[in-house]
C-alpha atoms as a PDB file:
ATOM      1  CA  MET A   1     103.130  81.604 111.736  1.00  0.00           C
ATOM      2  CA  ALA A   2     105.060  80.779 114.925  1.00  0.00           C
ATOM      3  CA  ALA A   3     105.622  77.167 113.852  1.00  0.00           C
ATOM      4  CA  GLU A   4     106.676  78.284 110.359  1.00  0.00           C
ATOM      5  CA  LEU A   5     109.224  80.712 111.806  1.00  0.00           C
ATOM      6  CA  GLU A   6     110.674  78.118 114.164  1.00  0.00           C
ATOM      7  CA  SER A   7     111.048  75.596 111.335  1.00  0.00           C
ATOM      8  CA  SER A   8     112.510  78.199 108.937  1.00  0.00           C
ATOM      9  CA  LEU A   9     115.138  79.677 111.247  1.00  0.00           C
ATOM     10  CA  GLU A  10     117.471  77.703 113.491  1.00  0.00           C
ATOM     11  CA  ASP A  11     117.888  78.697 117.132  1.00  0.00           C
ATOM     12  CA  LEU A  12     114.718  80.786 117.114  1.00  0.00           C
ATOM     13  CA  GLN A  13     112.231  80.565 119.933  1.00  0.00           C
ATOM     14  CA  VAL A  14     108.855  82.084 119.075  1.00  0.00           C
ATOM     15  CA  GLU A  15     106.300  83.296 121.585  1.00  0.00           C
ATOM     16  CA  LEU A  16     102.817  84.412 120.586  1.00  0.00           C
ATOM     17  CA  VAL A  17     101.318  87.176 122.704  1.00  0.00           C
ATOM     18  CA  ALA A  18      97.627  87.870 122.285  1.00  0.00           C
ATOM     19  CA  GLY A  19      96.772  91.434 121.343  1.00  0.00           C
ATOM     20  CA  GLY A  20      93.625  93.298 120.543  1.00  0.00           C
ATOM     21  CA  GLY A  21      92.237  95.746 118.055  1.00  0.00           C
ATOM     22  CA  GLY A  22      93.927  94.168 115.030  1.00  0.00           C
ATOM     23  CA  VAL A  23      97.449  94.666 116.370  1.00  0.00           C
ATOM     24  CA  PHE A  24     100.071  92.282 114.997  1.00  0.00           C
ATOM     25  CA  ASP A  25     103.620  93.217 115.958  1.00  0.00           C
ATOM     26  CA  VAL A  26     106.771  91.139 115.624  1.00  0.00           C
ATOM     27  CA  SER A  27     109.637  91.829 118.018  1.00  0.00           C
ATOM     28  CA  CYS A  28     113.084  90.287 118.242  1.00  0.00           C
ATOM     29  CA  ASP A  29     115.280  90.782 121.312  1.00  0.00           C
ATOM     30  CA  GLY A  30     112.981  93.578 122.481  1.00  0.00           C
ATOM     31  CA  ARG A  31     113.168  95.454 119.158  1.00  0.00           C
ATOM     32  CA  LEU A  32     110.044  95.958 117.014  1.00  0.00           C
ATOM     33  CA  VAL A  33     110.818  94.533 113.568  1.00  0.00           C
ATOM     34  CA  TYR A  34     107.354  94.490 111.961  1.00  0.00           C
ATOM     35  CA  SER A  35     104.122  96.275 112.805  1.00  0.00           C
ATOM     36  CA  LYS A  36     100.817  95.686 111.036  1.00  0.00           C
ATOM     37  CA  HIS A  37      99.645  98.958 112.577  1.00  0.00           C
ATOM     38  CA  GLN A  38     102.468 100.857 110.836  1.00  0.00           C
ATOM     39  CA  THR A  39     102.258  99.069 107.467  1.00  0.00           C
ATOM     40  CA  GLY A  40      98.506  98.487 107.305  1.00  0.00           C
ATOM     41  CA  GLN A  41      99.138  94.918 106.118  1.00  0.00           C
ATOM     42  CA  PHE A  42      99.373  91.527 107.773  1.00  0.00           C
ATOM     43  CA  PRO A  43     102.905  90.225 107.127  1.00  0.00           C
ATOM     44  CA  SER A  44     103.808  87.168 105.122  1.00  0.00           C
ATOM     45  CA  LEU A  45     106.394  84.766 106.491  1.00  0.00           C
ATOM     46  CA  ASP A  46     108.939  86.307 104.086  1.00  0.00           C
ATOM     47  CA  ASP A  47     108.154  89.821 105.397  1.00  0.00           C
ATOM     48  CA  VAL A  48     108.929  88.723 108.938  1.00  0.00           C
ATOM     49  CA  VAL A  49     112.096  86.806 108.017  1.00  0.00           C
ATOM     50  CA  ARG A  50     113.431  89.789 106.016  1.00  0.00           C
ATOM     51  CA  SER A  51     112.729  92.085 108.980  1.00  0.00           C
ATOM     52  CA  LEU A  52     114.793  89.934 111.324  1.00  0.00           C
END
């Protein structure tokens, strides 16, 4: 997903941080924009882009 985000949005630098226990969070500028833990679903690329 990192490569897809970088190619979809200009001037975006993506960093993947390994987590555990099924956690998948997306943060932008230190702000949580998507949390699999909160939604119960793994996000699609569109979910992440809309959250930004």
